[in-house]
Amino acid sequence: MNGKTVIVIGNGFDLDMGWHTSYRDFYDVHKGWNMHKSNHDDLFQYVIKCVADNWFDFERTFFDYAIHRVDVGLDTEFYVRDIQDYYSFKDQLFRFIAERSKQPIQESSFAYQLLKAYIDGCKRFQHNANMFLNWFSFNYTPLDSIANRIDSDTTFNYIPVHGTIARNNIIFGIQDDDRILPEYRPLLKSMDDNYNSQGIVKALLDSNLIIFFGLSMGYIDSIYFKKMFNSLSDGSISPSLANKEIIFITKDVETKKAIKNNLLDMGLQLQILFNMSNVDFIYTSDRDGKENLAKFESLLSKL
């Protein structure tokens, strides 16, 4: 291994492993919400109206509603009910993830194989593993249980950025924005009692190899990655860390395009980024493709 490796996983990791825990799945399970449509201009009705077209970014719908309240003005009756509905959505999401994470695991998946390689790497480095390997998860699923199944003798140290159902501390909400009315700031992730420093930004800046698995680079969580990508694009990062290897493991060509579009929406110059670092994509939908499989096996060997 040459330098520090950071692995960051999103919902695509869970999906590849066999857990159907996407916001789309959550929406489909709760289609009964449509029975409660009304003419009220509150959070619940806004979600019912908008999330069907924005199922891939459920939290963005909450953010859009909070901005919407800035435009239409504060209504005491609505905001009290809105905060109650927010906690209700969060509770339903917790229950949904808890149930879906009991589903069978695909041990042949890229996700499972990456986790296994990471645990093997931690075992080799033993007590110094954190000096070389860091794993961050944006998922709520209990990854510890899978790691323990792979090797119960190795301590699996990872950072669940937004908490887990196993620790009953999931953080669901929106990013900071000074336009949000004070009454709606309970929706901010940073206002959650469980929110604390995770060190992901520094870890990304200090790394040589970065693996993003199943992350769309969407708006709500872009704050965690924008600084690193900007540093690579504008040349402000130290020369010793400028030539990073960045691997995106994603479903297919279409999700690759979505990632690129989201990076552009961050204000990045992709031409500069791709020339400053070694950026590549691996597709989970192409497990039998020789070139794709060779790239994945080469990646595992670096752990």
Protein backbone atom coordinates (compact mmCIF):
# COMPACT_ATOMS: atom_id res chain seq x y z
CA MET A 1 0.00 0.00 0.00
CA ASN A 2 1.29 3.43 -0.96
CA GLY A 3 -0.02 6.17 1.36
CA LYS A 4 -3.42 6.46 2.97
CA THR A 5 -6.61 4.99 1.56
CA VAL A 6 -10.07 6.38 2.26
CA ILE A 7 -13.26 4.52 1.37
CA VAL A 8 -16.56 6.40 1.39
CA ILE A 9 -19.81 4.51 0.80
CA GLY A 10 -23.33 5.61 -0.02
CA ASN A 11 -26.62 3.86 -0.64
CA GLY A 12 -25.35 2.19 -3.83
CA PHE A 13 -23.10 0.08 -1.62
CA ASP A 14 -26.08 -1.32 0.29
CA LEU A 15 -28.03 -1.90 -2.91
CA ASP A 16 -25.13 -3.79 -4.48
CA MET A 17 -24.83 -5.96 -1.37
CA GLY A 18 -28.51 -6.87 -1.56
CA TRP A 19 -30.16 -4.46 0.87
CA HIS A 20 -32.99 -2.56 -0.86
CA THR A 21 -32.73 0.57 1.28
CA SER A 22 -32.93 3.39 -1.25
CA TYR A 23 -35.21 6.38 -0.80
CA ARG A 24 -37.12 5.06 -3.83
CA ASP A 25 -37.77 1.83 -1.95
CA PHE A 26 -38.82 3.86 1.09
CA TYR A 27 -41.21 5.89 -1.06
CA ASP A 28 -42.70 2.78 -2.69
CA VAL A 29 -43.35 1.16 0.69
CA HIS A 30 -45.21 4.27 1.85
CA LYS A 31 -47.29 5.03 -1.23
CA GLY A 32 -50.24 4.96 1.15
CA TRP A 33 -49.20 8.50 2.05
CA ASN A 34 -51.10 9.56 -1.07
CA MET A 35 -54.35 8.70 0.70
CA HIS A 36 -53.76 11.70 2.95
CA LYS A 37 -53.43 14.33 0.24
CA SER A 38 -55.06 17.63 1.05
CA ASN A 39 -54.87 21.27 0.07
CA HIS A 40 -52.73 22.19 3.07
CA ASP A 41 -49.42 23.91 2.36
CA ASP A 42 -47.43 21.95 4.93
CA LEU A 43 -44.38 19.68 4.92
CA PHE A 44 -46.32 16.42 4.64
CA GLN A 45 -48.29 17.59 1.61
CA TYR A 46 -45.15 19.03 -0.01
CA VAL A 47 -43.35 15.69 0.32
CA ILE A 48 -46.31 13.75 -1.11
CA LYS A 49 -46.46 16.16 -4.04
CA CYS A 50 -42.75 16.39 -4.85
CA VAL A 51 -40.91 13.29 -3.68
CA ALA A 52 -42.29 11.01 -6.41
CA ASP A 53 -40.26 13.02 -8.93
CA ASN A 54 -37.30 13.39 -6.58
CA TRP A 55 -37.18 9.99 -4.88
CA PHE A 56 -33.41 9.76 -5.40
CA ASP A 57 -32.79 12.73 -3.09
CA PHE A 58 -35.43 12.61 -0.38
CA GLU A 59 -33.56 15.01 1.88
CA ARG A 60 -33.37 17.57 -0.93
CA THR A 61 -37.17 17.67 -0.89
CA PHE A 62 -37.05 18.68 2.79
CA PHE A 63 -34.50 21.36 1.98
CA ASP A 64 -36.63 22.73 -0.87
CA TYR A 65 -39.62 22.90 1.48
CA ALA A 66 -37.63 24.82 4.11
CA ILE A 67 -36.66 27.35 1.45
CA HIS A 68 -40.27 27.40 0.28
CA ARG A 69 -41.34 28.47 3.78
CA VAL A 70 -38.95 31.42 3.54
CA ASP A 71 -40.72 32.54 0.37
CA VAL A 72 -44.32 32.10 1.51
CA GLY A 73 -43.82 33.21 5.11
CA LEU A 74 -44.12 31.57 8.50
CA ASP A 75 -47.35 30.03 9.69
CA THR A 76 -47.34 29.02 13.36
CA GLU A 77 -49.82 26.19 12.90
CA PHE A 78 -47.86 24.77 9.97
CA TYR A 79 -44.36 24.91 11.43
CA VAL A 80 -45.38 23.13 14.64
CA ARG A 81 -47.02 20.40 12.57
CA ASP A 82 -44.11 20.38 10.13
CA ILE A 83 -41.55 19.64 12.82
CA GLN A 84 -43.76 16.85 14.14
CA ASP A 85 -44.03 15.42 10.61
CA TYR A 86 -40.27 15.64 10.18
CA TYR A 87 -39.71 13.47 13.26
CA SER A 88 -42.43 11.11 12.03
CA PHE A 89 -40.68 10.71 8.67
CA LYS A 90 -37.40 10.10 10.47
CA ASP A 91 -38.96 7.43 12.68
CA GLN A 92 -40.54 5.69 9.68
CA LEU A 93 -37.20 5.76 7.88
CA PHE A 94 -35.50 4.20 10.91
CA ARG A 95 -38.03 1.36 10.97
CA PHE A 96 -37.72 0.85 7.22
CA ILE A 97 -33.90 0.60 7.31
CA ALA A 98 -34.01 -1.72 10.30
CA GLU A 99 -36.33 -4.10 8.45
CA ARG A 100 -34.56 -3.95 5.08
CA SER A 101 -31.11 -4.55 6.58
CA LYS A 102 -32.29 -8.03 7.57
CA GLN A 103 -32.37 -9.04 3.90
CA PRO A 104 -29.91 -11.65 2.55
CA ILE A 105 -26.45 -10.45 1.50
CA GLN A 106 -24.90 -11.09 -1.89
CA GLU A 107 -21.42 -12.30 -1.03
CA SER A 108 -20.45 -12.24 -4.71
CA SER A 109 -21.14 -8.49 -4.89
CA PHE A 110 -18.42 -5.90 -5.36
CA ALA A 111 -19.60 -4.29 -2.12
CA TYR A 112 -19.08 -7.42 -0.03
CA GLN A 113 -15.72 -8.15 -1.68
CA LEU A 114 -14.50 -4.61 -1.02
CA LEU A 115 -15.52 -4.82 2.63
CA LYS A 116 -13.76 -8.19 2.95
CA ALA A 117 -10.56 -6.80 1.39
CA TYR A 118 -10.69 -3.81 3.72
CA ILE A 119 -11.05 -6.04 6.80
CA ASP A 120 -8.16 -8.20 5.58
CA GLY A 121 -6.10 -5.02 5.24
CA CYS A 122 -6.99 -3.94 8.77
CA LYS A 123 -5.93 -7.35 10.02
CA ARG A 124 -2.53 -7.05 8.36
CA PHE A 125 -1.90 -3.59 9.80
CA GLN A 126 -3.42 -4.59 13.15
CA HIS A 127 -3.19 -1.67 15.62
CA ASN A 128 -1.87 0.77 13.00
CA ALA A 129 -4.72 0.25 10.54
CA ASN A 130 -6.16 3.75 11.03
CA MET A 131 -2.87 5.24 9.85
CA PHE A 132 -3.43 3.74 6.41
CA LEU A 133 -7.10 2.84 6.07
CA ASN A 134 -10.24 4.87 6.79
CA TRP A 135 -13.84 3.86 6.06
CA PHE A 136 -16.69 6.38 6.15
CA SER A 137 -20.32 5.43 5.63
CA PHE A 138 -23.22 7.71 4.75
CA ASN A 139 -25.63 4.81 5.26
CA TYR A 140 -27.70 3.99 8.33
CA THR A 141 -27.35 0.22 7.94
CA PRO A 142 -25.49 -1.86 10.59
CA LEU A 143 -22.25 -2.53 8.75
CA ASP A 144 -20.63 -3.85 11.94
CA SER A 145 -22.76 -6.99 11.77
CA ILE A 146 -21.53 -7.84 8.27
CA ALA A 147 -17.92 -7.14 9.21
CA ASN A 148 -18.25 -9.41 12.22
CA ARG A 149 -19.59 -12.15 9.98
CA ILE A 150 -16.56 -11.83 7.70
CA ASP A 151 -14.03 -11.95 10.54
CA SER A 152 -15.11 -11.87 14.16
CA ASP A 153 -11.50 -11.62 15.36
CA THR A 154 -10.71 -8.33 13.62
CA THR A 155 -11.90 -4.99 14.96
CA PHE A 156 -13.77 -3.15 12.22
CA ASN A 157 -13.28 0.56 12.77
CA TYR A 158 -15.44 2.74 10.58
CA ILE A 159 -17.16 6.08 10.91
CA PRO A 160 -20.93 6.25 10.26
CA VAL A 161 -21.09 9.93 9.31
CA HIS A 162 -24.84 10.11 9.85
CA GLY A 163 -25.18 7.46 12.53
CA THR A 164 -26.66 3.97 12.33
CA ILE A 165 -29.81 2.17 13.37
CA ALA A 166 -27.62 -0.10 15.50
CA ARG A 167 -26.67 2.85 17.69
CA ASN A 168 -30.09 4.51 17.46
CA ASN A 169 -28.49 7.77 16.35
CA ILE A 170 -29.40 8.29 12.70
CA ILE A 171 -29.05 11.85 11.42
CA PHE A 172 -31.62 12.70 8.77
CA GLY A 173 -32.11 16.21 7.47
CA ILE A 174 -30.69 19.03 5.42
CA GLN A 175 -27.44 20.96 5.17
CA ASP A 176 -26.76 24.32 6.77
CA ASP A 177 -28.14 27.37 5.01
CA ASP A 178 -28.55 30.78 6.62
CA ARG A 179 -31.80 31.31 4.71
CA ILE A 180 -33.56 28.65 6.78
CA LEU A 181 -35.97 30.20 9.25
CA PRO A 182 -35.07 29.56 12.93
CA GLU A 183 -38.32 27.65 13.40
CA TYR A 184 -37.23 25.16 10.71
CA ARG A 185 -33.64 24.69 11.86
CA PRO A 186 -34.47 21.42 13.68
CA LEU A 187 -34.33 20.01 10.13
CA LEU A 188 -30.61 20.84 9.90
CA LYS A 189 -28.30 17.87 10.35
CA SER A 190 -25.90 20.02 12.32
CA MET A 191 -28.64 20.72 14.89
CA ASP A 192 -29.09 17.03 15.65
CA ASP A 193 -27.77 16.12 19.12
CA ASN A 194 -25.89 13.19 17.56
CA TYR A 195 -24.03 15.31 15.03
CA ASN A 196 -20.33 15.70 15.77
CA SER A 197 -16.94 16.02 14.10
CA GLN A 198 -16.07 13.04 11.91
CA GLY A 199 -12.85 14.18 10.23
CA ILE A 200 -13.90 13.12 6.75
CA VAL A 201 -12.78 16.33 5.01
CA LYS A 202 -9.25 16.12 6.45
CA ALA A 203 -9.04 12.40 5.71
CA LEU A 204 -9.92 13.02 2.06
CA LEU A 205 -7.36 15.81 1.73
CA ASP A 206 -4.62 13.68 3.33
CA SER A 207 -5.31 10.54 1.28
CA ASN A 208 -3.61 9.10 -1.78
CA LEU A 209 -6.30 6.64 -2.83
CA ILE A 210 -10.00 7.51 -2.51
CA ILE A 211 -12.76 5.02 -3.26
CA PHE A 212 -16.32 6.31 -3.56
CA PHE A 213 -18.80 3.42 -3.67
CA GLY A 214 -22.45 4.13 -4.43
CA LEU A 215 -22.35 7.88 -3.81
CA SER A 216 -24.16 10.18 -6.22
CA MET A 217 -22.32 13.31 -5.01
CA GLY A 218 -25.75 14.91 -4.55
CA TYR A 219 -26.45 18.40 -3.27
CA ILE A 220 -27.18 17.69 0.40
CA ASP A 221 -23.89 15.89 1.14
CA SER A 222 -21.71 17.76 -1.37
CA ILE A 223 -20.35 19.93 1.46
CA TYR A 224 -18.18 17.00 2.59
CA PHE A 225 -16.45 16.59 -0.78
CA LYS A 226 -16.44 20.04 -2.35
CA LYS A 227 -13.34 21.29 -0.51
CA MET A 228 -11.23 18.35 -1.61
CA PHE A 229 -12.37 18.54 -5.22
CA ASN A 230 -11.91 22.31 -5.28
CA SER A 231 -8.39 21.94 -3.88
CA LEU A 232 -7.54 19.56 -6.71
CA SER A 233 -9.11 21.78 -9.32
CA ASP A 234 -7.51 25.07 -8.25
CA GLY A 235 -4.08 23.67 -7.35
CA SER A 236 -4.20 24.74 -3.68
CA ILE A 237 -3.53 21.24 -2.36
CA SER A 238 0.08 20.28 -1.53
CA PRO A 239 1.99 18.76 -4.48
CA SER A 240 2.62 15.53 -2.56
CA LEU A 241 -1.13 14.91 -2.32
CA ALA A 242 -2.27 16.46 -5.59
CA ASN A 243 -1.85 13.33 -7.66
CA LYS A 244 -4.60 11.32 -6.03
CA GLU A 245 -6.15 8.17 -7.37
CA ILE A 246 -9.94 8.55 -7.22
CA ILE A 247 -12.15 5.56 -8.01
CA PHE A 248 -15.91 5.81 -8.34
CA ILE A 249 -17.70 2.47 -8.04
CA THR A 250 -21.16 3.02 -9.46
CA LYS A 251 -23.91 1.08 -11.18
CA ASP A 252 -23.44 1.92 -14.86
CA VAL A 253 -22.72 4.57 -17.47
CA GLU A 254 -25.91 6.48 -16.61
CA THR A 255 -25.01 6.82 -12.94
CA LYS A 256 -21.51 7.85 -14.03
CA LYS A 257 -23.07 10.70 -16.00
CA ALA A 258 -25.16 11.66 -12.95
CA ILE A 259 -22.01 11.82 -10.80
CA LYS A 260 -20.25 14.02 -13.35
CA ASN A 261 -23.25 16.33 -13.53
CA ASN A 262 -23.34 16.63 -9.74
CA LEU A 263 -19.62 17.44 -9.69
CA LEU A 264 -20.23 20.14 -12.28
CA ASP A 265 -23.06 21.48 -10.12
CA MET A 266 -20.48 21.91 -7.33
CA GLY A 267 -18.78 24.41 -9.62
CA LEU A 268 -15.87 22.10 -10.45
CA GLN A 269 -13.83 22.08 -13.63
CA LEU A 270 -13.86 18.39 -14.53
CA GLN A 271 -11.16 18.78 -17.17
CA ILE A 272 -8.76 20.11 -14.54
CA LEU A 273 -9.84 17.55 -11.94
CA PHE A 274 -9.33 14.64 -14.32
CA ASN A 275 -5.92 15.95 -15.33
CA MET A 276 -4.75 16.64 -11.77
CA SER A 277 -5.70 13.18 -10.51
CA ASN A 278 -6.13 9.65 -11.80
CA VAL A 279 -9.93 9.34 -11.92
CA ASP A 280 -11.63 6.12 -12.99
CA PHE A 281 -15.00 4.37 -12.81
CA ILE A 282 -15.93 0.76 -12.05
CA TYR A 283 -19.44 -0.51 -12.85
CA THR A 284 -21.23 -2.90 -10.50
CA SER A 285 -23.60 -3.89 -13.31
CA ASP A 286 -20.67 -5.24 -15.36
CA ARG A 287 -19.32 -7.96 -13.06
CA ASP A 288 -18.46 -10.23 -15.98
CA GLY A 289 -16.76 -7.59 -18.09
CA LYS A 290 -13.08 -8.51 -18.28
CA GLU A 291 -11.74 -4.94 -18.23
CA ASN A 292 -14.13 -3.89 -15.48
CA LEU A 293 -13.37 -6.95 -13.35
CA ALA A 294 -9.62 -6.48 -13.86
CA LYS A 295 -9.88 -2.89 -12.58
CA PHE A 296 -11.81 -4.03 -9.52
CA GLU A 297 -9.37 -6.85 -8.72
CA SER A 298 -6.47 -4.42 -9.13
CA LEU A 299 -8.19 -2.07 -6.69
CA LEU A 300 -8.64 -4.83 -4.11
CA SER A 301 -4.97 -5.70 -4.34
CA LYS A 302 -4.09 -2.15 -3.24
CA LEU A 303 -5.81 -2.70 0.09
